[in-house]
Protein backbone atom coordinates (compact mmCIF):
# COMPACT_ATOMS: atom_id res chain seq x y z
CA ASN A 1 13.50 62.15 86.42
CA ALA A 2 12.84 62.64 82.75
CA VAL A 3 15.66 63.17 80.28
CA ALA A 4 15.86 64.85 76.99
CA ALA A 5 16.76 62.33 73.94
CA ASP A 6 19.37 64.09 73.03
CA SER A 7 21.55 64.85 76.29
CA LEU A 8 22.46 62.61 79.69
CA ALA A 9 23.51 63.75 82.62
CA CYS A 10 27.37 63.86 84.08
CA PRO A 11 27.47 61.85 86.16
CA PRO A 12 23.86 61.11 86.24
CA THR A 13 23.74 61.67 90.34
CA ASP A 14 24.51 65.54 89.48
CA PRO A 15 21.25 66.88 87.61
CA ASN A 16 23.22 70.12 86.91
CA CYS A 17 25.80 68.79 85.38
CA ARG A 18 24.07 67.88 81.45
CA VAL A 19 25.26 66.97 78.07
CA THR A 20 23.88 66.94 74.88
CA VAL A 21 24.79 65.37 71.36
CA ALA A 22 25.97 69.06 70.33
CA ASP A 23 28.69 68.95 73.41
CA THR A 24 29.96 65.24 71.67
CA SER A 25 31.33 67.24 68.99
CA ASP A 26 34.70 68.30 71.89
CA ASP A 27 36.57 65.69 72.47
CA ALA A 28 38.22 67.93 75.22
CA ASP A 29 35.23 68.21 76.86
CA PRO A 30 35.57 66.18 80.13
CA ARG A 31 31.85 66.21 80.94
CA VAL A 32 31.55 64.03 77.88
CA ASP A 33 33.97 60.90 78.80
CA ARG A 34 32.60 61.03 82.69
CA ALA A 35 29.02 60.92 81.14
CA LEU A 36 30.03 58.15 78.74
CA ASP A 37 31.56 56.19 81.50
CA ALA A 38 28.68 56.79 83.90
CA LEU A 39 26.47 54.99 81.13
CA LEU A 40 28.92 52.22 80.29
CA THR A 41 28.96 51.15 84.45
CA ALA A 42 24.87 51.70 83.96
CA ALA A 43 24.48 49.03 81.32
CA GLN A 44 27.04 46.88 82.85
CA SER A 45 25.29 46.97 85.94
CA GLY A 46 22.24 46.01 84.09
CA HIS A 47 20.30 48.74 83.56
CA ALA A 48 18.29 48.91 79.95
CA ALA A 49 17.76 52.34 80.24
CA ALA A 50 21.48 53.31 80.04
CA ARG A 51 22.36 50.48 77.36
CA ASP A 52 19.74 52.34 75.08
CA LYS A 53 20.67 55.81 75.78
CA LEU A 54 24.72 54.94 74.91
CA ALA A 55 23.24 52.83 71.82
CA ASP A 56 21.15 56.12 70.94
CA PHE A 57 24.22 57.69 71.22
CA ALA A 58 26.47 55.47 69.03
CA GLN A 59 23.66 55.26 66.41
CA ARG A 60 24.18 59.26 66.65
CA ASP A 61 27.77 59.29 65.46
CA VAL A 62 29.44 59.80 68.78
CA PRO A 63 32.24 58.40 68.77
CA GLY A 64 32.98 58.18 72.59
CA ALA A 65 29.81 56.20 72.56
CA GLN A 66 30.59 53.49 70.18
CA PHE A 67 33.99 52.82 71.52
CA ARG A 68 31.83 52.17 75.32
CA LEU A 69 28.73 50.22 73.35
CA GLY A 70 31.88 47.92 71.40
CA LEU A 71 33.32 47.62 74.66
CA LEU A 72 29.58 46.84 76.34
CA LEU A 73 29.33 43.99 73.52
CA TYR A 74 32.99 42.47 74.04
CA THR A 75 32.84 42.34 77.53
CA PRO A 76 29.74 41.89 78.82
CA GLN A 77 29.03 41.64 82.77
CA PRO A 78 27.10 38.70 83.62
CA GLU A 79 24.21 41.61 85.28
CA SER A 80 24.43 42.95 81.61
CA GLY A 81 21.69 41.42 80.31
CA VAL A 82 24.03 41.79 77.08
CA ALA A 83 25.52 38.49 75.26
CA LYS A 84 29.22 38.98 74.07
CA SER A 85 29.53 39.68 70.23
CA LEU A 86 32.90 40.20 69.37
CA PRO A 87 31.13 40.96 65.53
CA ASP A 88 29.16 43.62 66.87
CA ALA A 89 31.76 45.24 68.82
CA LEU A 90 34.10 45.25 66.28
CA ALA A 91 31.39 46.64 63.82
CA TRP A 92 31.20 49.49 66.47
CA TRP A 93 35.00 50.02 67.09
CA LEU A 94 35.43 50.37 63.44
CA LYS A 95 33.01 53.28 63.14
CA ALA A 96 34.56 54.88 66.23
CA SER A 97 37.79 54.72 64.49
CA GLU A 98 36.69 56.33 61.15
CA LEU A 99 35.46 59.13 63.29
CA GLY A 100 38.75 59.87 64.85
CA HIS A 101 38.45 58.02 68.25
CA GLY A 102 41.79 56.70 68.91
CA GLN A 103 41.52 54.20 71.62
CA ALA A 104 38.67 52.35 69.04
CA SER A 105 41.46 52.41 66.49
CA MET A 106 43.45 51.05 68.90
CA ALA A 107 41.08 48.22 70.36
CA VAL A 108 40.63 46.93 66.37
CA ALA A 109 44.67 46.88 65.67
CA ASN A 110 44.22 44.70 69.11
CA ILE A 111 41.79 42.25 67.73
CA TYR A 112 43.49 41.93 64.29
CA ASP A 113 47.06 42.21 65.95
CA HIS A 114 46.05 38.39 68.05
CA GLY A 115 42.82 37.21 65.78
CA GLU A 116 39.89 36.13 67.77
CA GLY A 117 36.83 34.17 67.30
CA PRO A 118 35.95 34.48 63.78
CA VAL A 119 38.42 37.67 63.03
CA ALA A 120 41.74 36.23 61.44
CA VAL A 121 45.00 37.09 62.67
CA ASP A 122 46.08 40.19 59.70
CA HIS A 123 50.00 42.15 61.23
CA ALA A 124 49.18 44.35 58.04
CA ARG A 125 45.88 45.25 59.17
CA ALA A 126 46.68 45.73 62.87
CA LEU A 127 49.82 48.37 61.73
CA ARG A 128 47.35 50.15 59.95
CA TYR A 129 45.21 50.48 63.20
CA TYR A 130 48.26 51.06 65.74
CA GLU A 131 49.29 53.83 62.75
CA ARG A 132 45.65 55.42 62.85
CA ALA A 133 45.32 55.20 66.65
CA VAL A 134 48.86 57.06 67.46
CA ALA A 135 47.92 59.54 64.86
CA GLN A 136 44.60 59.85 66.28
CA GLY A 137 45.86 61.07 69.70
CA TRP A 138 45.88 57.91 71.30
CA VAL A 139 49.67 58.18 72.56
CA ASN A 140 50.56 55.90 75.08
CA PRO A 141 52.92 53.33 76.36
CA THR A 142 51.26 51.12 74.87
CA SER A 143 50.46 52.20 71.78
CA TYR A 144 53.77 52.58 71.07
CA THR A 145 55.40 49.38 71.83
CA ARG A 146 52.19 47.82 70.00
CA LEU A 147 53.76 50.06 66.81
CA ALA A 148 56.84 49.37 67.21
CA ARG A 149 56.06 45.89 67.71
CA GLY A 150 54.29 46.25 64.14
CA LEU A 151 56.67 48.31 62.16
CA LEU A 152 59.36 45.14 63.30
CA ARG A 153 57.40 42.55 61.43
CA THR A 154 57.66 44.41 58.27
CA GLY A 155 61.21 43.98 58.38
CA ASN A 156 61.58 47.35 56.71
CA ALA A 157 65.38 48.54 57.69
CA SER A 158 64.06 52.24 56.70
CA GLN A 159 61.47 52.33 60.15
CA CYS A 160 65.15 51.39 62.52
CA SER A 161 64.90 54.88 63.90
CA ARG A 162 61.30 55.27 64.12
CA ILE A 163 60.90 52.13 65.83
CA LEU A 164 64.07 53.22 68.26
CA ALA A 165 62.19 56.96 68.54
CA LEU A 166 58.87 54.54 69.59
CA LEU A 167 60.63 52.47 71.65
CA THR A 168 62.69 55.29 73.49
CA GLU A 169 58.90 56.90 74.47
CA ALA A 170 57.57 54.17 75.93
CA ALA A 171 60.98 53.68 77.79
CA ASN A 172 61.01 57.07 79.03
CA ALA A 173 56.80 56.69 80.54
CA GLY A 174 58.02 53.66 82.33
CA PHE A 175 56.87 51.01 80.23
CA SER A 176 59.28 47.94 80.08
CA GLU A 177 56.95 45.09 77.96
């Protein structure tokens, strides 16, 4: 079952559903996320061809593939044959963030917020990436509360109404952090 270098099935079990690199520019197309999720799952299970395809799409500046390749490198499964590499994961997440991937921006923010391995805690940088994640559409209770916490750390009283609005949004969504 040969697959063109610039396409993949979504999911791989459905040969009639194809996604090409050109399709990946449409963030609203759920086929893209399904296809990339299927690739990540296969790569985590040790399928080298899936890992290579994910890496190929990441190198072609597909933000969703870059984010998922970062996940594979950050939390590899034992059967994946991939060694954990925070520097490589962070590099892919930074690329995806630059291309507008909100979830990647959130991942970068979390690394800087908590510090890990060779990455020192940098709350100012974390705040910039939390801001970016929300601006890029990664809006959920966790992003709201993390952004509010980052704003609280600045001690800037002019942010009080924004902090309250963020925490209210999170609470209305049922989040109690």
